[in-house]
Amino acid sequence: MTDAPPRGLEERLRDTRARLESDIDLWVATSGTPGGVHLIPLSFLWDGTAFLVSTPRTSVTSRNLLADDRVRLSFGPTRDVVIVDGTAEPVDIDGLAPGTGDAFAAKTGFDPREPDEQAYQYFLIRPQRVQAWREANELRGRHLMRDGHWLG
């Protein structure tokens, strides 16, 4: 525990945006009839408005997101967490904007476009709600985005 005072909205927004831009991996939680509740770590690319992830088309995560587009993402340790609730849209490799596949591969060190024994599916995740807190004293004011709009 820390005795540090809670961060204000502007500092939390700045810290959260820095994490979204610099982190490489996140936790993805999905639910859906095909696979049930599922949690998996994935690499991502943040473009300032949405997250791009990729996972095998046959994975539980892909099947869940195709059945139910709701998704929860988590960044950071439990004492400095960012939680994102969003919706996922499947994007085929040929549907990526120019340069996006290259940017994803450069940031994550993984290129789902390369031939493999299994086909990969990209998902574009649009955040609807973002929360961030470090300790219990930051639970108040943890909401940074509501209904897809940043606060502040």
Protein backbone atom coordinates (compact mmCIF):
# COMPACT_ATOMS: atom_id res chain seq x y z
CA MET A 1 0.00 0.00 0.00
CA THR A 2 1.00 3.56 -0.53
CA ASP A 3 0.15 6.75 1.26
CA ALA A 4 0.20 8.68 -2.02
CA PRO A 5 -2.84 10.89 -2.53
CA PRO A 6 -5.28 9.87 -5.26
CA ARG A 7 -4.52 11.15 -8.75
CA GLY A 8 -6.86 13.66 -10.31
CA LEU A 9 -8.68 13.10 -13.60
CA GLU A 10 -6.05 14.77 -15.80
CA GLU A 11 -3.19 12.76 -14.29
CA ARG A 12 -5.14 9.51 -14.59
CA LEU A 13 -6.00 10.28 -18.21
CA ARG A 14 -2.35 11.04 -18.98
CA ASP A 15 -1.12 7.88 -17.21
CA THR A 16 -3.76 5.71 -18.90
CA ARG A 17 -3.09 7.05 -22.39
CA ALA A 18 0.65 6.49 -21.86
CA ARG A 19 -0.04 2.87 -20.88
CA LEU A 20 -2.28 2.31 -23.92
CA GLU A 21 0.45 3.66 -26.19
CA SER A 22 3.42 1.87 -24.58
CA ASP A 23 2.15 -1.50 -23.29
CA ILE A 24 2.37 -4.44 -25.68
CA ASP A 25 0.14 -7.01 -23.98
CA LEU A 26 -3.24 -7.03 -22.27
CA TRP A 27 -5.71 -9.49 -20.79
CA VAL A 28 -8.85 -10.19 -22.84
CA ALA A 29 -11.96 -11.55 -21.13
CA THR A 30 -14.81 -12.85 -23.29
CA SER A 31 -18.01 -14.76 -22.80
CA GLY A 32 -20.18 -16.53 -25.27
CA THR A 33 -22.15 -19.70 -25.76
CA PRO A 34 -19.50 -21.52 -27.81
CA GLY A 35 -16.68 -21.34 -25.27
CA GLY A 36 -18.08 -19.92 -22.07
CA VAL A 37 -16.17 -17.34 -20.04
CA HIS A 38 -12.55 -17.15 -21.17
CA LEU A 39 -9.47 -15.09 -20.24
CA ILE A 40 -6.34 -14.89 -22.37
CA PRO A 41 -3.31 -12.59 -22.77
CA LEU A 42 -2.90 -11.05 -26.22
CA SER A 43 -0.68 -8.43 -27.82
CA PHE A 44 -2.36 -5.30 -29.15
CA LEU A 45 -2.02 -2.14 -31.17
CA TRP A 46 -3.73 1.05 -29.94
CA ASP A 47 -4.44 3.65 -32.64
CA GLY A 48 -5.80 6.33 -30.30
CA THR A 49 -9.42 5.25 -30.70
CA ALA A 50 -9.47 1.43 -30.79
CA PHE A 51 -7.43 -1.67 -29.98
CA LEU A 52 -6.41 -4.23 -32.57
CA VAL A 53 -5.81 -7.82 -31.41
CA SER A 54 -5.41 -11.08 -33.28
CA THR A 55 -5.99 -14.70 -32.27
CA PRO A 56 -6.52 -17.98 -34.15
CA ARG A 57 -9.95 -18.19 -35.80
CA THR A 58 -10.59 -21.50 -34.07
CA SER A 59 -9.71 -20.22 -30.57
CA VAL A 60 -12.26 -19.90 -27.78
CA THR A 61 -11.67 -16.13 -27.80
CA SER A 62 -12.50 -15.82 -31.51
CA ARG A 63 -15.57 -18.00 -31.21
CA ASN A 64 -16.77 -16.05 -28.18
CA LEU A 65 -16.26 -12.65 -29.83
CA LEU A 66 -18.05 -13.77 -32.99
CA ALA A 67 -21.01 -14.91 -30.85
CA ASP A 68 -21.00 -11.96 -28.42
CA ASP A 69 -19.07 -8.79 -29.25
CA ARG A 70 -18.77 -7.65 -25.60
CA VAL A 71 -15.23 -7.77 -24.27
CA ARG A 72 -13.28 -6.64 -21.20
CA LEU A 73 -9.60 -5.72 -21.36
CA SER A 74 -7.18 -5.28 -18.47
CA PHE A 75 -3.77 -3.60 -18.36
CA GLY A 76 -1.15 -3.42 -15.65
CA PRO A 77 -0.73 -4.93 -12.21
CA THR A 78 -3.56 -5.11 -9.70
CA ARG A 79 -2.26 -2.01 -7.88
CA ASP A 80 -2.18 0.11 -11.04
CA VAL A 81 -4.92 -1.29 -13.23
CA VAL A 82 -6.76 -0.04 -16.29
CA ILE A 83 -10.02 -1.83 -17.15
CA VAL A 84 -11.69 -1.33 -20.54
CA ASP A 85 -15.15 -2.53 -21.50
CA GLY A 86 -15.75 -2.48 -25.22
CA THR A 87 -17.19 -4.10 -28.30
CA ALA A 88 -15.23 -6.18 -30.79
CA GLU A 89 -15.63 -6.20 -34.55
CA PRO A 90 -13.99 -8.92 -36.66
CA VAL A 91 -11.63 -7.59 -39.34
CA ASP A 92 -10.16 -9.81 -42.02
CA ILE A 93 -6.52 -9.40 -42.96
CA ASP A 94 -7.47 -7.84 -46.30
CA GLY A 95 -9.80 -5.44 -44.44
CA LEU A 96 -7.02 -3.78 -42.45
CA ALA A 97 -6.26 -0.15 -43.24
CA PRO A 98 -3.00 0.32 -45.17
CA GLY A 99 0.01 0.05 -42.87
CA THR A 100 -1.98 -1.35 -39.93
CA GLY A 101 -0.74 -4.92 -40.30
CA ASP A 102 2.85 -3.66 -40.46
CA ALA A 103 2.32 -1.41 -37.41
CA PHE A 104 0.80 -4.32 -35.45
CA ALA A 105 3.71 -6.62 -36.34
CA ALA A 106 6.33 -3.96 -35.51
CA LYS A 107 4.81 -3.19 -32.09
CA THR A 108 4.01 -6.73 -30.99
CA GLY A 109 6.80 -8.73 -32.65
CA PHE A 110 4.13 -11.05 -34.07
CA ASP A 111 2.67 -10.99 -37.59
CA PRO A 112 -0.63 -12.91 -37.96
CA ARG A 113 -0.42 -12.39 -41.73
CA GLU A 114 2.52 -14.80 -42.03
CA PRO A 115 1.60 -18.30 -43.19
CA ASP A 116 0.94 -20.64 -40.28
CA GLU A 117 -0.84 -23.93 -39.76
CA GLN A 118 -3.81 -21.96 -38.42
CA ALA A 119 -5.57 -18.89 -39.77
CA TYR A 120 -5.74 -15.79 -37.58
CA GLN A 121 -8.60 -13.36 -37.07
CA TYR A 122 -8.12 -9.69 -36.21
CA PHE A 123 -10.60 -7.92 -33.93
CA LEU A 124 -10.98 -4.17 -33.63
CA ILE A 125 -12.10 -3.35 -30.08
CA ARG A 126 -13.78 0.00 -29.49
CA PRO A 127 -13.77 1.10 -25.86
CA GLN A 128 -17.08 2.10 -24.29
CA ARG A 129 -15.95 2.46 -20.68
CA VAL A 130 -12.46 2.96 -19.22
CA GLN A 131 -11.58 2.85 -15.52
CA ALA A 132 -8.20 3.28 -13.82
CA TRP A 133 -7.10 3.12 -10.18
CA ARG A 134 -4.09 2.24 -8.06
CA GLU A 135 -5.36 1.83 -4.50
CA ALA A 136 -8.70 1.96 -2.71
CA ASN A 137 -8.31 5.72 -2.34
CA GLU A 138 -8.62 6.00 -6.15
CA LEU A 139 -11.86 4.05 -6.50
CA ARG A 140 -13.77 7.32 -6.44
CA GLY A 141 -13.10 9.00 -9.77
CA ARG A 142 -11.93 5.81 -11.49
CA HIS A 143 -14.14 6.34 -14.57
CA LEU A 144 -12.21 7.97 -17.42
CA MET A 145 -14.57 7.11 -20.28
CA ARG A 146 -18.31 6.56 -20.41
CA ASP A 147 -20.40 5.58 -23.44
CA GLY A 148 -17.32 5.79 -25.65
CA HIS A 149 -16.47 9.39 -24.66
CA TRP A 150 -13.42 10.41 -22.63
CA LEU A 151 -14.26 12.49 -19.55
CA GLY A 152 -12.54 15.75 -18.74
